[in-house]
N, C-alpha and C. Protein backbone atom coordinates (compact mmCIF):
# COMPACT_ATOMS: atom_id res chain seq x y z
N MET A 1 -14.93 -25.24 -0.80
CA MET A 1 -14.12 -24.31 -0.01
C MET A 1 -14.37 -22.88 -0.50
N LYS A 2 -14.72 -21.99 0.41
CA LYS A 2 -14.99 -20.61 0.04
C LYS A 2 -13.70 -19.90 -0.37
N LYS A 3 -13.85 -18.92 -1.22
CA LYS A 3 -12.71 -18.27 -1.84
C LYS A 3 -12.15 -17.12 -1.01
N ILE A 4 -10.88 -16.79 -1.30
CA ILE A 4 -10.20 -15.66 -0.67
C ILE A 4 -10.00 -14.59 -1.73
N LEU A 5 -10.56 -13.42 -1.49
CA LEU A 5 -10.43 -12.30 -2.41
C LEU A 5 -9.20 -11.47 -2.06
N ILE A 6 -8.37 -11.22 -3.06
CA ILE A 6 -7.20 -10.35 -2.87
C ILE A 6 -7.45 -9.05 -3.62
N ILE A 7 -7.63 -7.97 -2.87
CA ILE A 7 -7.80 -6.64 -3.45
C ILE A 7 -6.43 -5.99 -3.52
N GLY A 8 -6.02 -5.63 -4.72
CA GLY A 8 -4.66 -5.18 -4.94
C GLY A 8 -3.77 -6.34 -5.34
N ALA A 9 -4.36 -7.31 -6.02
CA ALA A 9 -3.65 -8.55 -6.34
C ALA A 9 -2.44 -8.33 -7.24
N ASN A 10 -2.47 -7.29 -8.07
CA ASN A 10 -1.38 -7.12 -9.02
C ASN A 10 -0.18 -6.39 -8.44
N GLY A 11 -0.28 -5.95 -7.20
CA GLY A 11 0.90 -5.38 -6.54
C GLY A 11 1.87 -6.48 -6.16
N ALA A 12 3.07 -6.09 -5.78
CA ALA A 12 4.11 -7.08 -5.47
C ALA A 12 3.68 -8.00 -4.34
N ILE A 13 3.12 -7.43 -3.28
CA ILE A 13 2.69 -8.26 -2.15
C ILE A 13 1.48 -9.09 -2.55
N GLY A 14 0.55 -8.49 -3.27
CA GLY A 14 -0.64 -9.22 -3.71
C GLY A 14 -0.29 -10.43 -4.54
N ARG A 15 0.66 -10.29 -5.45
CA ARG A 15 1.07 -11.43 -6.28
C ARG A 15 1.68 -12.54 -5.43
N MET A 16 2.50 -12.16 -4.46
CA MET A 16 3.11 -13.16 -3.59
C MET A 16 2.06 -13.89 -2.76
N VAL A 17 1.10 -13.15 -2.25
CA VAL A 17 0.04 -13.78 -1.46
C VAL A 17 -0.74 -14.76 -2.32
N ALA A 18 -1.06 -14.37 -3.54
CA ALA A 18 -1.78 -15.26 -4.45
C ALA A 18 -0.98 -16.53 -4.69
N GLN A 19 0.30 -16.39 -4.98
CA GLN A 19 1.16 -17.55 -5.24
C GLN A 19 1.18 -18.49 -4.04
N LYS A 20 1.35 -17.94 -2.86
CA LYS A 20 1.49 -18.76 -1.65
C LYS A 20 0.17 -19.46 -1.30
N LEU A 21 -0.94 -18.77 -1.44
CA LEU A 21 -2.23 -19.39 -1.14
C LEU A 21 -2.55 -20.50 -2.14
N LEU A 22 -2.30 -20.22 -3.41
CA LEU A 22 -2.58 -21.23 -4.43
C LEU A 22 -1.68 -22.45 -4.25
N ALA A 23 -0.44 -22.25 -3.81
CA ALA A 23 0.46 -23.37 -3.55
C ALA A 23 -0.05 -24.24 -2.41
N GLN A 24 -0.86 -23.64 -1.53
CA GLN A 24 -1.47 -24.39 -0.42
C GLN A 24 -2.82 -24.99 -0.80
N GLY A 25 -3.21 -24.79 -2.05
CA GLY A 25 -4.48 -25.34 -2.50
C GLY A 25 -5.69 -24.51 -2.14
N LYS A 26 -5.46 -23.24 -1.76
CA LYS A 26 -6.56 -22.37 -1.40
C LYS A 26 -7.13 -21.70 -2.66
N PRO A 27 -8.44 -21.59 -2.78
CA PRO A 27 -9.04 -20.91 -3.93
C PRO A 27 -8.93 -19.40 -3.80
N VAL A 28 -8.37 -18.78 -4.80
CA VAL A 28 -8.07 -17.34 -4.77
C VAL A 28 -8.82 -16.61 -5.87
N VAL A 29 -9.37 -15.46 -5.51
CA VAL A 29 -9.93 -14.53 -6.49
C VAL A 29 -9.03 -13.31 -6.53
N ALA A 30 -8.43 -13.06 -7.66
CA ALA A 30 -7.54 -11.92 -7.82
C ALA A 30 -8.32 -10.77 -8.43
N MET A 31 -8.48 -9.70 -7.68
CA MET A 31 -9.15 -8.51 -8.20
C MET A 31 -8.12 -7.60 -8.85
N ILE A 32 -8.30 -7.37 -10.14
CA ILE A 32 -7.38 -6.52 -10.89
C ILE A 32 -8.17 -5.51 -11.70
N ARG A 33 -7.49 -4.49 -12.15
CA ARG A 33 -8.17 -3.41 -12.87
C ARG A 33 -8.10 -3.57 -14.37
N ASN A 34 -6.99 -4.13 -14.87
CA ASN A 34 -6.76 -4.20 -16.31
C ASN A 34 -6.74 -5.64 -16.80
N THR A 35 -7.38 -5.88 -17.93
CA THR A 35 -7.42 -7.23 -18.48
C THR A 35 -6.04 -7.72 -18.91
N ASP A 36 -5.12 -6.81 -19.18
CA ASP A 36 -3.78 -7.25 -19.59
C ASP A 36 -3.00 -7.87 -18.43
N GLN A 37 -3.52 -7.76 -17.21
CA GLN A 37 -2.90 -8.39 -16.05
C GLN A 37 -3.47 -9.80 -15.81
N GLN A 38 -4.48 -10.17 -16.57
CA GLN A 38 -5.26 -11.36 -16.26
C GLN A 38 -4.49 -12.66 -16.47
N SER A 39 -3.72 -12.74 -17.54
CA SER A 39 -3.08 -14.01 -17.89
C SER A 39 -2.14 -14.49 -16.78
N TYR A 40 -1.48 -13.58 -16.12
CA TYR A 40 -0.56 -13.97 -15.03
C TYR A 40 -1.30 -14.78 -13.98
N PHE A 41 -2.49 -14.32 -13.59
CA PHE A 41 -3.23 -14.97 -12.51
C PHE A 41 -3.94 -16.24 -12.97
N THR A 42 -4.44 -16.23 -14.18
CA THR A 42 -5.10 -17.44 -14.67
C THR A 42 -4.09 -18.57 -14.85
N GLU A 43 -2.87 -18.23 -15.25
CA GLU A 43 -1.83 -19.25 -15.37
C GLU A 43 -1.43 -19.81 -14.01
N LEU A 44 -1.54 -18.99 -12.97
CA LEU A 44 -1.27 -19.47 -11.62
C LEU A 44 -2.37 -20.40 -11.13
N GLY A 45 -3.58 -20.21 -11.66
CA GLY A 45 -4.72 -21.00 -11.21
C GLY A 45 -5.74 -20.21 -10.42
N ALA A 46 -5.59 -18.90 -10.42
CA ALA A 46 -6.53 -18.05 -9.68
C ALA A 46 -7.73 -17.68 -10.55
N GLU A 47 -8.84 -17.44 -9.89
CA GLU A 47 -9.98 -16.83 -10.56
C GLU A 47 -9.71 -15.33 -10.63
N VAL A 48 -10.14 -14.69 -11.68
CA VAL A 48 -9.89 -13.26 -11.87
C VAL A 48 -11.20 -12.51 -11.95
N VAL A 49 -11.24 -11.37 -11.28
CA VAL A 49 -12.38 -10.47 -11.40
C VAL A 49 -11.84 -9.09 -11.75
N ILE A 50 -12.43 -8.48 -12.77
CA ILE A 50 -12.01 -7.15 -13.19
C ILE A 50 -12.87 -6.12 -12.46
N ALA A 51 -12.22 -5.21 -11.77
CA ALA A 51 -12.95 -4.20 -11.01
C ALA A 51 -12.04 -3.02 -10.75
N ASP A 52 -12.65 -1.86 -10.58
CA ASP A 52 -11.92 -0.62 -10.36
C ASP A 52 -12.22 -0.11 -8.96
N LEU A 53 -11.19 0.12 -8.18
CA LEU A 53 -11.36 0.59 -6.80
C LEU A 53 -12.04 1.94 -6.73
N GLU A 54 -12.02 2.68 -7.82
CA GLU A 54 -12.69 3.98 -7.82
C GLU A 54 -14.12 3.89 -8.35
N GLY A 55 -14.57 2.67 -8.63
CA GLY A 55 -15.94 2.44 -9.07
C GLY A 55 -16.66 1.53 -8.10
N ASP A 56 -17.69 0.86 -8.60
CA ASP A 56 -18.43 -0.10 -7.79
C ASP A 56 -17.79 -1.46 -7.98
N PHE A 57 -17.22 -2.02 -6.93
CA PHE A 57 -16.54 -3.31 -7.06
C PHE A 57 -17.12 -4.37 -6.12
N ARG A 58 -18.37 -4.21 -5.74
CA ARG A 58 -18.98 -5.17 -4.82
C ARG A 58 -19.07 -6.57 -5.42
N HIS A 59 -19.17 -6.66 -6.77
CA HIS A 59 -19.30 -7.97 -7.39
C HIS A 59 -18.08 -8.85 -7.13
N ALA A 60 -16.95 -8.24 -6.82
CA ALA A 60 -15.74 -9.02 -6.57
C ALA A 60 -15.87 -9.91 -5.33
N PHE A 61 -16.77 -9.57 -4.43
CA PHE A 61 -16.93 -10.29 -3.16
C PHE A 61 -17.80 -11.54 -3.29
N THR A 62 -18.48 -11.70 -4.40
CA THR A 62 -19.41 -12.81 -4.57
C THR A 62 -18.70 -14.16 -4.39
N GLY A 63 -19.22 -14.99 -3.49
CA GLY A 63 -18.67 -16.31 -3.27
C GLY A 63 -17.41 -16.35 -2.42
N CYS A 64 -17.01 -15.21 -1.87
CA CYS A 64 -15.79 -15.15 -1.07
C CYS A 64 -16.11 -15.19 0.42
N GLU A 65 -15.18 -15.75 1.17
CA GLU A 65 -15.33 -15.89 2.61
C GLU A 65 -14.36 -14.99 3.37
N ARG A 66 -13.20 -14.78 2.77
CA ARG A 66 -12.17 -13.96 3.41
C ARG A 66 -11.62 -12.95 2.39
N VAL A 67 -11.08 -11.86 2.91
CA VAL A 67 -10.61 -10.77 2.06
C VAL A 67 -9.26 -10.27 2.56
N VAL A 68 -8.37 -10.00 1.61
CA VAL A 68 -7.12 -9.30 1.89
C VAL A 68 -7.16 -7.98 1.13
N PHE A 69 -6.96 -6.88 1.84
CA PHE A 69 -6.85 -5.58 1.18
C PHE A 69 -5.39 -5.15 1.23
N THR A 70 -4.73 -5.23 0.09
CA THR A 70 -3.33 -4.83 0.00
C THR A 70 -3.13 -3.85 -1.14
N ALA A 71 -4.18 -3.11 -1.44
CA ALA A 71 -4.10 -2.09 -2.48
C ALA A 71 -3.55 -0.78 -1.91
N GLY A 72 -2.99 0.02 -2.80
CA GLY A 72 -2.49 1.33 -2.39
C GLY A 72 -2.38 2.25 -3.58
N SER A 73 -2.44 3.53 -3.32
CA SER A 73 -2.40 4.50 -4.40
C SER A 73 -1.01 4.62 -5.00
N GLY A 74 0.02 4.27 -4.23
CA GLY A 74 1.39 4.33 -4.75
C GLY A 74 2.05 5.66 -4.48
N PRO A 75 3.39 5.67 -4.42
CA PRO A 75 4.13 6.88 -4.06
C PRO A 75 4.15 7.95 -5.14
N LYS A 76 3.76 7.60 -6.37
CA LYS A 76 3.84 8.57 -7.46
C LYS A 76 2.54 9.33 -7.68
N THR A 77 1.53 9.05 -6.87
CA THR A 77 0.25 9.73 -7.03
C THR A 77 0.14 10.85 -6.00
N GLY A 78 -0.88 11.67 -6.17
CA GLY A 78 -1.09 12.78 -5.27
C GLY A 78 -2.06 12.43 -4.15
N ALA A 79 -2.35 13.45 -3.33
CA ALA A 79 -3.24 13.25 -2.19
C ALA A 79 -4.65 12.86 -2.62
N ASP A 80 -5.03 13.23 -3.86
CA ASP A 80 -6.37 12.88 -4.32
C ASP A 80 -6.52 11.37 -4.44
N LYS A 81 -5.53 10.70 -5.03
CA LYS A 81 -5.59 9.25 -5.16
C LYS A 81 -5.45 8.57 -3.79
N THR A 82 -4.64 9.16 -2.94
CA THR A 82 -4.52 8.63 -1.58
C THR A 82 -5.88 8.61 -0.90
N LEU A 83 -6.61 9.69 -1.05
CA LEU A 83 -7.95 9.79 -0.45
C LEU A 83 -8.90 8.77 -1.07
N LEU A 84 -8.85 8.63 -2.39
CA LEU A 84 -9.80 7.78 -3.10
C LEU A 84 -9.51 6.29 -2.94
N VAL A 85 -8.25 5.93 -2.82
CA VAL A 85 -7.89 4.51 -2.75
C VAL A 85 -7.63 4.07 -1.31
N ASP A 86 -6.69 4.72 -0.65
CA ASP A 86 -6.26 4.26 0.67
C ASP A 86 -7.29 4.52 1.76
N LEU A 87 -8.17 5.47 1.55
CA LEU A 87 -9.23 5.72 2.53
C LEU A 87 -10.59 5.28 2.00
N TRP A 88 -11.02 5.86 0.88
CA TRP A 88 -12.40 5.63 0.43
C TRP A 88 -12.59 4.20 -0.07
N ALA A 89 -11.70 3.73 -0.94
CA ALA A 89 -11.86 2.36 -1.45
C ALA A 89 -11.70 1.34 -0.33
N ALA A 90 -10.78 1.58 0.59
CA ALA A 90 -10.62 0.67 1.73
C ALA A 90 -11.89 0.63 2.56
N SER A 91 -12.50 1.80 2.79
CA SER A 91 -13.73 1.85 3.58
C SER A 91 -14.88 1.18 2.85
N ARG A 92 -14.95 1.37 1.56
CA ARG A 92 -16.01 0.70 0.78
C ARG A 92 -15.80 -0.81 0.79
N SER A 93 -14.56 -1.25 0.79
CA SER A 93 -14.29 -2.68 0.91
C SER A 93 -14.87 -3.23 2.21
N VAL A 94 -14.76 -2.46 3.26
CA VAL A 94 -15.33 -2.86 4.55
C VAL A 94 -16.85 -2.96 4.44
N ASP A 95 -17.45 -1.98 3.80
CA ASP A 95 -18.92 -2.00 3.63
C ASP A 95 -19.35 -3.23 2.84
N TYR A 96 -18.66 -3.51 1.75
CA TYR A 96 -19.00 -4.68 0.94
C TYR A 96 -18.78 -5.97 1.74
N ALA A 97 -17.69 -6.01 2.51
CA ALA A 97 -17.41 -7.20 3.32
C ALA A 97 -18.52 -7.46 4.32
N LYS A 98 -19.07 -6.39 4.86
CA LYS A 98 -20.17 -6.55 5.81
C LYS A 98 -21.41 -7.08 5.10
N THR A 99 -21.68 -6.57 3.92
CA THR A 99 -22.83 -7.03 3.14
C THR A 99 -22.72 -8.51 2.80
N PHE A 100 -21.51 -8.97 2.51
CA PHE A 100 -21.30 -10.35 2.10
C PHE A 100 -20.92 -11.27 3.26
N ASN A 101 -21.02 -10.76 4.48
CA ASN A 101 -20.75 -11.57 5.68
C ASN A 101 -19.36 -12.23 5.63
N ILE A 102 -18.38 -11.43 5.29
CA ILE A 102 -17.00 -11.92 5.23
C ILE A 102 -16.55 -12.35 6.63
N ARG A 103 -15.89 -13.50 6.71
CA ARG A 103 -15.51 -14.08 8.00
C ARG A 103 -14.16 -13.59 8.52
N GLN A 104 -13.32 -13.09 7.62
CA GLN A 104 -12.04 -12.53 8.05
C GLN A 104 -11.55 -11.52 7.02
N PHE A 105 -11.14 -10.37 7.51
CA PHE A 105 -10.65 -9.30 6.66
C PHE A 105 -9.23 -8.97 7.14
N VAL A 106 -8.25 -9.18 6.26
CA VAL A 106 -6.87 -8.83 6.59
C VAL A 106 -6.53 -7.53 5.87
N MET A 107 -6.30 -6.50 6.64
CA MET A 107 -5.96 -5.17 6.11
C MET A 107 -4.47 -4.96 6.19
N VAL A 108 -3.86 -4.63 5.05
CA VAL A 108 -2.44 -4.27 5.04
C VAL A 108 -2.37 -2.75 5.14
N SER A 109 -1.91 -2.29 6.27
CA SER A 109 -1.87 -0.86 6.57
C SER A 109 -0.42 -0.38 6.51
N ALA A 110 -0.03 0.49 7.42
CA ALA A 110 1.32 1.03 7.43
C ALA A 110 1.69 1.42 8.86
N ARG A 111 2.99 1.36 9.16
CA ARG A 111 3.41 1.67 10.52
C ARG A 111 3.04 3.09 10.92
N GLY A 112 2.98 4.00 9.95
CA GLY A 112 2.64 5.39 10.24
C GLY A 112 1.20 5.60 10.64
N ALA A 113 0.36 4.57 10.44
CA ALA A 113 -1.06 4.69 10.81
C ALA A 113 -1.24 4.76 12.31
N ALA A 114 -0.28 4.27 13.06
CA ALA A 114 -0.39 4.30 14.53
C ALA A 114 -0.48 5.74 15.04
N ASP A 115 0.31 6.62 14.47
CA ASP A 115 0.27 8.04 14.83
C ASP A 115 0.84 8.85 13.67
N PRO A 116 -0.02 9.32 12.76
CA PRO A 116 0.45 10.05 11.57
C PRO A 116 1.27 11.29 11.91
N ASP A 117 1.10 11.86 13.09
CA ASP A 117 1.86 13.06 13.46
C ASP A 117 3.35 12.77 13.65
N LEU A 118 3.69 11.50 13.86
CA LEU A 118 5.09 11.15 14.11
C LEU A 118 5.86 10.85 12.84
N GLY A 119 5.17 10.65 11.72
CA GLY A 119 5.82 10.29 10.47
C GLY A 119 6.24 11.51 9.67
N PRO A 120 6.91 11.29 8.55
CA PRO A 120 7.33 12.40 7.68
C PRO A 120 6.11 13.16 7.16
N VAL A 121 6.25 14.46 7.04
CA VAL A 121 5.15 15.29 6.55
C VAL A 121 4.78 14.90 5.13
N SER A 122 5.76 14.46 4.36
CA SER A 122 5.52 14.15 2.95
C SER A 122 4.53 13.01 2.75
N ILE A 123 4.45 12.10 3.72
CA ILE A 123 3.52 10.97 3.58
C ILE A 123 2.41 11.02 4.64
N LYS A 124 2.25 12.15 5.26
CA LYS A 124 1.22 12.25 6.29
C LYS A 124 -0.19 11.98 5.74
N PRO A 125 -0.56 12.51 4.55
CA PRO A 125 -1.90 12.18 4.02
C PRO A 125 -2.12 10.67 3.89
N TYR A 126 -1.09 9.96 3.46
CA TYR A 126 -1.17 8.49 3.33
C TYR A 126 -1.40 7.85 4.69
N ASN A 127 -0.63 8.26 5.69
CA ASN A 127 -0.76 7.68 7.02
C ASN A 127 -2.10 8.01 7.66
N VAL A 128 -2.59 9.22 7.42
CA VAL A 128 -3.92 9.59 7.94
C VAL A 128 -5.00 8.73 7.28
N ALA A 129 -4.89 8.54 5.97
CA ALA A 129 -5.86 7.69 5.27
C ALA A 129 -5.85 6.28 5.83
N LYS A 130 -4.66 5.73 6.04
CA LYS A 130 -4.54 4.39 6.60
C LYS A 130 -5.12 4.33 8.01
N ARG A 131 -4.85 5.34 8.80
CA ARG A 131 -5.35 5.36 10.19
C ARG A 131 -6.87 5.30 10.23
N PHE A 132 -7.53 6.11 9.41
CA PHE A 132 -8.99 6.15 9.44
C PHE A 132 -9.61 4.92 8.78
N ALA A 133 -8.95 4.37 7.77
CA ALA A 133 -9.43 3.13 7.17
C ALA A 133 -9.34 1.99 8.18
N ASP A 134 -8.25 1.93 8.92
CA ASP A 134 -8.10 0.91 9.96
C ASP A 134 -9.20 1.03 11.01
N GLN A 135 -9.44 2.25 11.44
CA GLN A 135 -10.45 2.44 12.48
C GLN A 135 -11.85 2.10 11.97
N TYR A 136 -12.11 2.41 10.72
CA TYR A 136 -13.40 2.08 10.12
C TYR A 136 -13.61 0.57 10.12
N LEU A 137 -12.56 -0.16 9.81
CA LEU A 137 -12.64 -1.62 9.83
C LEU A 137 -12.86 -2.12 11.25
N LEU A 138 -12.13 -1.59 12.21
CA LEU A 138 -12.28 -2.03 13.59
C LEU A 138 -13.69 -1.75 14.11
N ASP A 139 -14.24 -0.62 13.71
CA ASP A 139 -15.58 -0.24 14.19
C ASP A 139 -16.69 -1.02 13.49
N SER A 140 -16.38 -1.69 12.40
CA SER A 140 -17.40 -2.37 11.59
C SER A 140 -17.94 -3.64 12.23
N GLY A 141 -17.17 -4.23 13.11
CA GLY A 141 -17.56 -5.50 13.70
C GLY A 141 -17.16 -6.71 12.87
N ILE A 142 -16.56 -6.49 11.71
CA ILE A 142 -16.09 -7.61 10.88
C ILE A 142 -14.87 -8.24 11.55
N PRO A 143 -14.79 -9.56 11.63
CA PRO A 143 -13.58 -10.20 12.16
C PRO A 143 -12.38 -9.79 11.31
N CYS A 144 -11.41 -9.18 11.94
CA CYS A 144 -10.33 -8.60 11.13
C CYS A 144 -8.97 -8.72 11.81
N THR A 145 -7.97 -8.61 10.97
CA THR A 145 -6.57 -8.53 11.38
C THR A 145 -5.96 -7.36 10.63
N ILE A 146 -5.26 -6.50 11.34
CA ILE A 146 -4.63 -5.34 10.70
C ILE A 146 -3.12 -5.46 10.87
N LEU A 147 -2.42 -5.48 9.76
CA LEU A 147 -0.97 -5.56 9.75
C LEU A 147 -0.39 -4.23 9.30
N ARG A 148 0.56 -3.73 10.05
CA ARG A 148 1.18 -2.44 9.74
C ARG A 148 2.67 -2.63 9.52
N PRO A 149 3.06 -3.04 8.31
CA PRO A 149 4.47 -3.29 8.04
C PRO A 149 5.28 -2.01 8.00
N GLY A 150 6.56 -2.17 8.30
CA GLY A 150 7.50 -1.07 8.17
C GLY A 150 7.84 -0.79 6.72
N ARG A 151 8.89 -0.02 6.50
CA ARG A 151 9.30 0.30 5.13
C ARG A 151 9.61 -0.99 4.39
N LEU A 152 9.03 -1.12 3.21
CA LEU A 152 9.08 -2.39 2.48
C LEU A 152 10.34 -2.52 1.63
N LEU A 153 10.94 -3.70 1.71
CA LEU A 153 12.15 -4.00 0.95
C LEU A 153 11.87 -5.09 -0.06
N ASN A 154 12.61 -5.08 -1.15
CA ASN A 154 12.48 -6.11 -2.18
C ASN A 154 13.45 -7.27 -1.99
N GLU A 155 14.08 -7.35 -0.85
CA GLU A 155 15.08 -8.38 -0.60
C GLU A 155 14.41 -9.73 -0.32
N GLN A 156 15.24 -10.76 -0.23
CA GLN A 156 14.76 -12.11 0.07
C GLN A 156 14.17 -12.15 1.47
N ALA A 157 13.15 -12.96 1.65
CA ALA A 157 12.50 -13.08 2.95
C ALA A 157 13.48 -13.54 4.02
N THR A 158 13.32 -13.02 5.23
CA THR A 158 14.16 -13.42 6.36
C THR A 158 13.48 -14.49 7.22
N HIS A 159 12.13 -14.52 7.19
CA HIS A 159 11.33 -15.43 8.02
C HIS A 159 11.53 -15.17 9.51
N ARG A 160 11.95 -13.98 9.83
CA ARG A 160 12.13 -13.59 11.23
C ARG A 160 11.50 -12.22 11.43
N PHE A 161 10.76 -12.07 12.54
CA PHE A 161 9.88 -10.92 12.71
C PHE A 161 9.96 -10.35 14.12
N THR A 162 9.47 -9.12 14.23
CA THR A 162 9.14 -8.53 15.51
C THR A 162 7.96 -7.59 15.31
N THR A 163 7.14 -7.46 16.33
CA THR A 163 6.05 -6.48 16.29
C THR A 163 6.40 -5.24 17.09
N LEU A 164 7.60 -5.23 17.66
CA LEU A 164 8.06 -4.08 18.44
C LEU A 164 8.86 -3.15 17.52
N ARG A 165 8.47 -1.90 17.48
CA ARG A 165 9.12 -0.96 16.55
C ARG A 165 10.56 -0.69 16.96
N PRO A 166 11.52 -0.95 16.08
CA PRO A 166 12.91 -0.63 16.39
C PRO A 166 13.10 0.87 16.63
N ALA A 167 14.01 1.20 17.51
CA ALA A 167 14.23 2.61 17.86
C ALA A 167 14.80 3.38 16.68
N GLU A 168 15.68 2.75 15.89
CA GLU A 168 16.32 3.44 14.78
C GLU A 168 15.43 3.36 13.54
N PRO A 169 15.08 4.50 12.95
CA PRO A 169 14.22 4.49 11.76
C PRO A 169 14.75 3.61 10.63
N GLU A 170 16.06 3.53 10.48
CA GLU A 170 16.62 2.74 9.38
C GLU A 170 16.37 1.24 9.58
N ASN A 171 16.05 0.84 10.81
CA ASN A 171 15.77 -0.57 11.09
C ASN A 171 14.28 -0.90 11.07
N GLN A 172 13.47 0.08 10.79
CA GLN A 172 12.02 -0.13 10.75
C GLN A 172 11.61 -0.62 9.37
N VAL A 173 12.10 -1.81 9.02
CA VAL A 173 11.93 -2.33 7.67
C VAL A 173 11.43 -3.77 7.72
N ILE A 174 10.91 -4.23 6.60
CA ILE A 174 10.50 -5.62 6.44
C ILE A 174 10.43 -5.90 4.93
N THR A 175 10.72 -7.13 4.54
CA THR A 175 10.65 -7.45 3.12
C THR A 175 9.19 -7.63 2.70
N ARG A 176 8.96 -7.43 1.43
CA ARG A 176 7.61 -7.66 0.90
C ARG A 176 7.21 -9.12 1.04
N GLU A 177 8.17 -10.02 0.84
CA GLU A 177 7.82 -11.44 0.95
C GLU A 177 7.50 -11.82 2.39
N ASP A 178 8.23 -11.28 3.36
CA ASP A 178 7.89 -11.53 4.76
C ASP A 178 6.49 -11.00 5.07
N THR A 179 6.15 -9.86 4.50
CA THR A 179 4.81 -9.31 4.70
C THR A 179 3.76 -10.23 4.10
N ALA A 180 4.02 -10.75 2.91
CA ALA A 180 3.10 -11.71 2.30
C ALA A 180 2.95 -12.96 3.16
N ASP A 181 4.06 -13.43 3.71
CA ASP A 181 4.00 -14.61 4.58
C ASP A 181 3.13 -14.33 5.81
N ALA A 182 3.23 -13.12 6.35
CA ALA A 182 2.43 -12.76 7.52
C ALA A 182 0.94 -12.74 7.18
N ILE A 183 0.61 -12.25 6.00
CA ILE A 183 -0.79 -12.23 5.56
C ILE A 183 -1.34 -13.65 5.48
N VAL A 184 -0.58 -14.52 4.82
CA VAL A 184 -1.00 -15.91 4.66
C VAL A 184 -1.11 -16.59 6.03
N TYR A 185 -0.18 -16.29 6.91
CA TYR A 185 -0.23 -16.86 8.26
C TYR A 185 -1.53 -16.47 8.96
N CYS A 186 -1.90 -15.22 8.85
CA CYS A 186 -3.13 -14.75 9.50
C CYS A 186 -4.35 -15.45 8.92
N LEU A 187 -4.36 -15.65 7.62
CA LEU A 187 -5.48 -16.34 6.99
C LEU A 187 -5.57 -17.80 7.43
N ASN A 188 -4.43 -18.39 7.74
CA ASN A 188 -4.39 -19.79 8.18
C ASN A 188 -4.59 -19.95 9.68
N HIS A 189 -4.57 -18.85 10.41
CA HIS A 189 -4.71 -18.90 11.87
C HIS A 189 -5.76 -17.88 12.32
N PRO A 190 -7.02 -18.30 12.35
CA PRO A 190 -8.10 -17.38 12.75
C PRO A 190 -7.91 -16.78 14.14
N SER A 191 -7.04 -17.38 14.95
CA SER A 191 -6.78 -16.81 16.27
C SER A 191 -6.09 -15.46 16.19
N THR A 192 -5.58 -15.09 15.00
CA THR A 192 -4.98 -13.77 14.84
C THR A 192 -6.05 -12.68 14.64
N ILE A 193 -7.31 -13.09 14.51
CA ILE A 193 -8.38 -12.10 14.40
C ILE A 193 -8.39 -11.24 15.66
N GLY A 194 -8.47 -9.94 15.46
CA GLY A 194 -8.41 -9.00 16.56
C GLY A 194 -7.05 -8.36 16.73
N GLU A 195 -6.05 -8.90 16.04
CA GLU A 195 -4.70 -8.34 16.13
C GLU A 195 -4.58 -7.05 15.32
N VAL A 196 -3.91 -6.06 15.89
CA VAL A 196 -3.44 -4.87 15.17
C VAL A 196 -1.95 -4.82 15.46
N ALA A 197 -1.15 -5.22 14.48
CA ALA A 197 0.27 -5.42 14.76
C ALA A 197 1.15 -4.74 13.73
N GLU A 198 2.15 -4.04 14.23
CA GLU A 198 3.22 -3.57 13.36
C GLU A 198 4.14 -4.75 13.07
N LEU A 199 4.79 -4.72 11.92
CA LEU A 199 5.67 -5.82 11.51
C LEU A 199 7.01 -5.29 11.03
N TYR A 200 8.07 -5.87 11.57
CA TYR A 200 9.43 -5.50 11.18
C TYR A 200 10.30 -6.74 11.14
N GLN A 201 11.45 -6.63 10.51
CA GLN A 201 12.44 -7.70 10.60
C GLN A 201 12.89 -7.83 12.04
N GLY A 202 12.94 -9.07 12.49
CA GLY A 202 13.33 -9.31 13.87
C GLY A 202 14.08 -10.61 14.02
N GLU A 203 13.83 -11.30 15.13
CA GLU A 203 14.55 -12.53 15.43
C GLU A 203 13.63 -13.73 15.61
N LEU A 204 12.31 -13.55 15.57
CA LEU A 204 11.38 -14.61 15.92
C LEU A 204 10.51 -15.03 14.75
N PRO A 205 10.02 -16.27 14.75
CA PRO A 205 9.08 -16.70 13.71
C PRO A 205 7.71 -16.07 13.95
N LEU A 206 6.87 -16.12 12.94
CA LEU A 206 5.53 -15.54 13.05
C LEU A 206 4.74 -16.13 14.21
N SER A 207 4.91 -17.43 14.44
CA SER A 207 4.16 -18.08 15.50
C SER A 207 4.48 -17.51 16.88
N ALA A 208 5.60 -16.83 17.01
CA ALA A 208 5.99 -16.26 18.30
C ALA A 208 5.58 -14.81 18.46
N VAL A 209 5.22 -14.14 17.36
CA VAL A 209 4.90 -12.71 17.45
C VAL A 209 3.44 -12.38 17.19
N LEU A 210 2.72 -13.31 16.56
CA LEU A 210 1.30 -13.11 16.34
C LEU A 210 0.51 -14.13 17.15
N THR A 211 -0.66 -13.75 17.60
CA THR A 211 -1.46 -14.61 18.46
C THR A 211 -1.74 -15.96 17.79
N VAL A 212 -1.59 -17.04 18.52
CA VAL A 212 -1.90 -18.38 18.00
C VAL A 212 -2.81 -19.10 18.99
């Protein structure tokens, strides 16, 4: 069985995706930057590859069939890291995926990527980076799914979704675990390839809101 590479594995969503895939018996490669993060993933049963998103990380793709990109520069960094990680590293991931003939690429984007002009000015560079990374993936010809979750919450999963953006900004939210579940669902359902979907807490199961 070909492996699934998780880029950004040490983030909260990345860890959840790794746990859920491994629980299903799927072989996972966790791409991390620091060796001190390694024991967590090896104890889970994942293969670990050490790589830096700001360097050459093509070796992480070796032997992999599918890829999840859930890395991000984080809210405490400046526009320079946003450019280098959320745009440049994401785009390089697409290039590497093309070289390695990846069969499915799941990109975790952001709701603001749909139209960065509509979001807060403070995170506009982030949304612009996500928008162009998404488009680069779509233009690449790689079979892909792009998920654009709302504001992320650390609460317990609801298992209920909508892809329609709520009118009230305070309701444009989704839990990290629900987002992880959506990623795993897409990996298990190749019919979701071609989807570009925003994700929010709603009333329906994933099977009703994503293509099956």
